[in-house]
Amino acid sequence: MQNAFISPTPVRYVMQFNDVPQQITTLSLFRPGTRVDNVPVQ
C-alpha cells in the first residue's frame, strides 16, 4: 500500500460499503501501529 498526501492538513476520508447490516453502527480502522475505534457508520 502506498501513501498519498493531498493536503498538509487533515482531510475527511469517505469510504462506501454496500449492504452493511443495520445492526452495525460503529467500526474500527487499523493498520500496523495505528488503530481508530468507534468510527460511526452512517
PDB file of N, CA and C in Angstrom:
ATOM      1  N   MET A   1       0.840  -1.177   0.000  1.00  0.00           N
ATOM      2  CA  MET A   1       0.000   0.000   0.000  1.00  0.00           C
ATOM      3  C   MET A   1       0.883   1.238   0.000  1.00  0.00           C
ATOM      4  N   GLN A   2       0.578   2.184  -0.851  1.00  0.00           N
ATOM      5  CA  GLN A   2       1.333   3.409  -0.916  1.00  0.00           C
ATOM      6  C   GLN A   2       0.561   4.535  -0.251  1.00  0.00           C
ATOM      7  N   ASN A   3       1.284   5.505   0.273  1.00  0.00           N
ATOM      8  CA  ASN A   3       0.659   6.675   0.883  1.00  0.00           C
ATOM      9  C   ASN A   3       0.510   7.768  -0.147  1.00  0.00           C
ATOM     10  N   ALA A   4      -0.563   8.517  -0.041  1.00  0.00           N
ATOM     11  CA  ALA A   4      -0.786   9.675  -0.902  1.00  0.00           C
ATOM     12  C   ALA A   4      -1.196  10.837  -0.023  1.00  0.00           C
ATOM     13  N   PHE A   5      -0.622  11.984  -0.231  1.00  0.00           N
ATOM     14  CA  PHE A   5      -0.920  13.172   0.552  1.00  0.00           C
ATOM     15  C   PHE A   5      -1.581  14.192  -0.353  1.00  0.00           C
ATOM     16  N   ILE A   6      -2.760  14.664   0.055  1.00  0.00           N
ATOM     17  CA  ILE A   6      -3.464  15.658  -0.755  1.00  0.00           C
ATOM     18  C   ILE A   6      -3.472  17.023  -0.100  1.00  0.00           C
ATOM     19  N   SER A   7      -3.059  17.075   1.156  1.00  0.00           N
ATOM     20  CA  SER A   7      -3.092  18.338   1.876  1.00  0.00           C
ATOM     21  C   SER A   7      -2.183  18.234   3.098  1.00  0.00           C
ATOM     22  N   PRO A   8      -1.537  19.326   3.499  1.00  0.00           N
ATOM     23  CA  PRO A   8      -0.742  19.274   4.727  1.00  0.00           C
ATOM     24  C   PRO A   8      -1.602  19.243   5.990  1.00  0.00           C
ATOM     25  N   THR A   9      -2.902  19.484   5.858  1.00  0.00           N
ATOM     26  CA  THR A   9      -3.819  19.430   6.997  1.00  0.00           C
ATOM     27  C   THR A   9      -4.737  18.216   6.847  1.00  0.00           C
ATOM     28  N   PRO A  10      -5.296  17.710   7.951  1.00  0.00           N
ATOM     29  CA  PRO A  10      -6.177  16.534   7.864  1.00  0.00           C
ATOM     30  C   PRO A  10      -7.393  16.783   6.961  1.00  0.00           C
ATOM     31  N   VAL A  11      -7.806  15.752   6.276  1.00  0.00           N
ATOM     32  CA  VAL A  11      -8.998  15.810   5.433  1.00  0.00           C
ATOM     33  C   VAL A  11      -9.904  14.641   5.800  1.00  0.00           C
ATOM     34  N   ARG A  12     -11.178  14.759   5.475  1.00  0.00           N
ATOM     35  CA  ARG A  12     -12.130  13.685   5.724  1.00  0.00           C
ATOM     36  C   ARG A  12     -11.976  12.629   4.641  1.00  0.00           C
ATOM     37  N   TYR A  13     -11.980  11.384   5.053  1.00  0.00           N
ATOM     38  CA  TYR A  13     -11.845  10.263   4.125  1.00  0.00           C
ATOM     39  C   TYR A  13     -13.187   9.559   4.074  1.00  0.00           C
ATOM     40  N   VAL A  14     -13.715   9.371   2.895  1.00  0.00           N
ATOM     41  CA  VAL A  14     -15.025   8.760   2.736  1.00  0.00           C
ATOM     42  C   VAL A  14     -14.859   7.375   2.126  1.00  0.00           C
ATOM     43  N   MET A  15     -15.430   6.377   2.794  1.00  0.00           N
ATOM     44  CA  MET A  15     -15.447   5.017   2.261  1.00  0.00           C
ATOM     45  C   MET A  15     -16.904   4.593   2.149  1.00  0.00           C
ATOM     46  N   GLN A  16     -17.226   3.891   1.098  1.00  0.00           N
ATOM     47  CA  GLN A  16     -18.591   3.423   0.910  1.00  0.00           C
ATOM     48  C   GLN A  16     -18.600   1.906   0.853  1.00  0.00           C
ATOM     49  N   PHE A  17     -19.495   1.315   1.647  1.00  0.00           N
ATOM     50  CA  PHE A  17     -19.703  -0.123   1.637  1.00  0.00           C
ATOM     51  C   PHE A  17     -21.176  -0.365   1.369  1.00  0.00           C
ATOM     52  N   ASN A  18     -21.469  -1.336   0.548  1.00  0.00           N
ATOM     53  CA  ASN A  18     -22.855  -1.672   0.225  1.00  0.00           C
ATOM     54  C   ASN A  18     -23.327  -2.838   1.087  1.00  0.00           C
ATOM     55  N   ASP A  19     -24.613  -2.852   1.370  1.00  0.00           N
ATOM     56  CA  ASP A  19     -25.265  -3.963   2.076  1.00  0.00           C
ATOM     57  C   ASP A  19     -24.691  -4.213   3.470  1.00  0.00           C
ATOM     58  N   VAL A  20     -24.442  -3.151   4.230  1.00  0.00           N
ATOM     59  CA  VAL A  20     -23.996  -3.290   5.612  1.00  0.00           C
ATOM     60  C   VAL A  20     -25.228  -3.469   6.484  1.00  0.00           C
ATOM     61  N   PRO A  21     -25.288  -4.532   7.285  1.00  0.00           N
ATOM     62  CA  PRO A  21     -26.457  -4.738   8.147  1.00  0.00           C
ATOM     63  C   PRO A  21     -26.681  -3.550   9.076  1.00  0.00           C
ATOM     64  N   GLN A  22     -27.941  -3.222   9.335  1.00  0.00           N
ATOM     65  CA  GLN A  22     -28.279  -2.061  10.161  1.00  0.00           C
ATOM     66  C   GLN A  22     -27.799  -2.183  11.599  1.00  0.00           C
ATOM     67  N   GLN A  23     -27.579  -3.392  12.109  1.00  0.00           N
ATOM     68  CA  GLN A  23     -27.125  -3.537  13.494  1.00  0.00           C
ATOM     69  C   GLN A  23     -25.657  -3.144  13.657  1.00  0.00           C
ATOM     70  N   ILE A  24     -24.922  -2.952  12.582  1.00  0.00           N
ATOM     71  CA  ILE A  24     -23.546  -2.478  12.669  1.00  0.00           C
ATOM     72  C   ILE A  24     -23.580  -0.959  12.679  1.00  0.00           C
ATOM     73  N   THR A  25     -23.191  -0.363  13.815  1.00  0.00           N
ATOM     74  CA  THR A  25     -23.274   1.094  13.962  1.00  0.00           C
ATOM     75  C   THR A  25     -21.913   1.760  14.073  1.00  0.00           C
ATOM     76  N   THR A  26     -20.874   0.990  14.447  1.00  0.00           N
ATOM     77  CA  THR A  26     -19.522   1.530  14.514  1.00  0.00           C
ATOM     78  C   THR A  26     -18.555   0.487  13.957  1.00  0.00           C
ATOM     79  N   LEU A  27     -17.365   0.950  13.625  1.00  0.00           N
ATOM     80  CA  LEU A  27     -16.334   0.033  13.148  1.00  0.00           C
ATOM     81  C   LEU A  27     -14.981   0.514  13.616  1.00  0.00           C
ATOM     82  N   SER A  28     -13.968  -0.298  13.398  1.00  0.00           N
ATOM     83  CA  SER A  28     -12.596   0.055  13.747  1.00  0.00           C
ATOM     84  C   SER A  28     -11.760   0.088  12.476  1.00  0.00           C
ATOM     85  N   LEU A  29     -10.917   1.092  12.375  1.00  0.00           N
ATOM     86  CA  LEU A  29      -9.975   1.205  11.265  1.00  0.00           C
ATOM     87  C   LEU A  29      -8.589   0.959  11.825  1.00  0.00           C
ATOM     88  N   PHE A  30      -7.804   0.153  11.135  1.00  0.00           N
ATOM     89  CA  PHE A  30      -6.469  -0.094  11.652  1.00  0.00           C
ATOM     90  C   PHE A  30      -5.503  -0.423  10.533  1.00  0.00           C
ATOM     91  N   ARG A  31      -4.258  -0.147  10.819  1.00  0.00           N
ATOM     92  CA  ARG A  31      -3.121  -0.548  10.010  1.00  0.00           C
ATOM     93  C   ARG A  31      -1.978  -0.719  11.001  1.00  0.00           C
ATOM     94  N   PRO A  32      -0.891  -1.328  10.630  1.00  0.00           N
ATOM     95  CA  PRO A  32       0.177  -1.564  11.611  1.00  0.00           C
ATOM     96  C   PRO A  32       0.577  -0.294  12.358  1.00  0.00           C
ATOM     97  N   GLY A  33       0.480  -0.336  13.677  1.00  0.00           N
ATOM     98  CA  GLY A  33       0.875   0.776  14.515  1.00  0.00           C
ATOM     99  C   GLY A  33      -0.189   1.826  14.763  1.00  0.00           C
ATOM    100  N   THR A  34      -1.325   1.737  14.081  1.00  0.00           N
ATOM    101  CA  THR A  34      -2.377   2.740  14.223  1.00  0.00           C
ATOM    102  C   THR A  34      -3.736   2.052  14.263  1.00  0.00           C
ATOM    103  N   ARG A  35      -4.576   2.481  15.204  1.00  0.00           N
ATOM    104  CA  ARG A  35      -5.933   1.945  15.292  1.00  0.00           C
ATOM    105  C   ARG A  35      -6.881   3.045  15.729  1.00  0.00           C
ATOM    106  N   VAL A  36      -8.045   3.120  15.077  1.00  0.00           N
ATOM    107  CA  VAL A  36      -9.085   4.074  15.437  1.00  0.00           C
ATOM    108  C   VAL A  36     -10.350   3.271  15.697  1.00  0.00           C
ATOM    109  N   ASP A  37     -10.873   3.337  16.920  1.00  0.00           N
ATOM    110  CA  ASP A  37     -12.074   2.592  17.286  1.00  0.00           C
ATOM    111  C   ASP A  37     -13.309   3.493  17.297  1.00  0.00           C
ATOM    112  N   ASN A  38     -14.457   2.860  17.230  1.00  0.00           N
ATOM    113  CA  ASN A  38     -15.764   3.527  17.349  1.00  0.00           C
ATOM    114  C   ASN A  38     -16.006   4.576  16.272  1.00  0.00           C
ATOM    115  N   VAL A  39     -15.638   4.255  15.046  1.00  0.00           N
ATOM    116  CA  VAL A  39     -15.934   5.135  13.916  1.00  0.00           C
ATOM    117  C   VAL A  39     -17.393   4.914  13.542  1.00  0.00           C
ATOM    118  N   PRO A  40     -18.242   5.947  13.572  1.00  0.00           N
ATOM    119  CA  PRO A  40     -19.659   5.742  13.281  1.00  0.00           C
ATOM    120  C   PRO A  40     -19.917   5.380  11.822  1.00  0.00           C
ATOM    121  N   VAL A  41     -20.865   4.484  11.621  1.00  0.00           N
ATOM    122  CA  VAL A  41     -21.318   4.112  10.289  1.00  0.00           C
ATOM    123  C   VAL A  41     -22.594   4.892  10.031  1.00  0.00           C
ATOM    124  N   GLN A  42     -22.631   5.629   8.946  1.00  0.00           N
ATOM    125  CA  GLN A  42     -23.814   6.448   8.633  1.00  0.00           C
ATOM    126  C   GLN A  42     -24.468   5.957   7.381  1.00  0.00           C
TER     127      GLN A  42
END
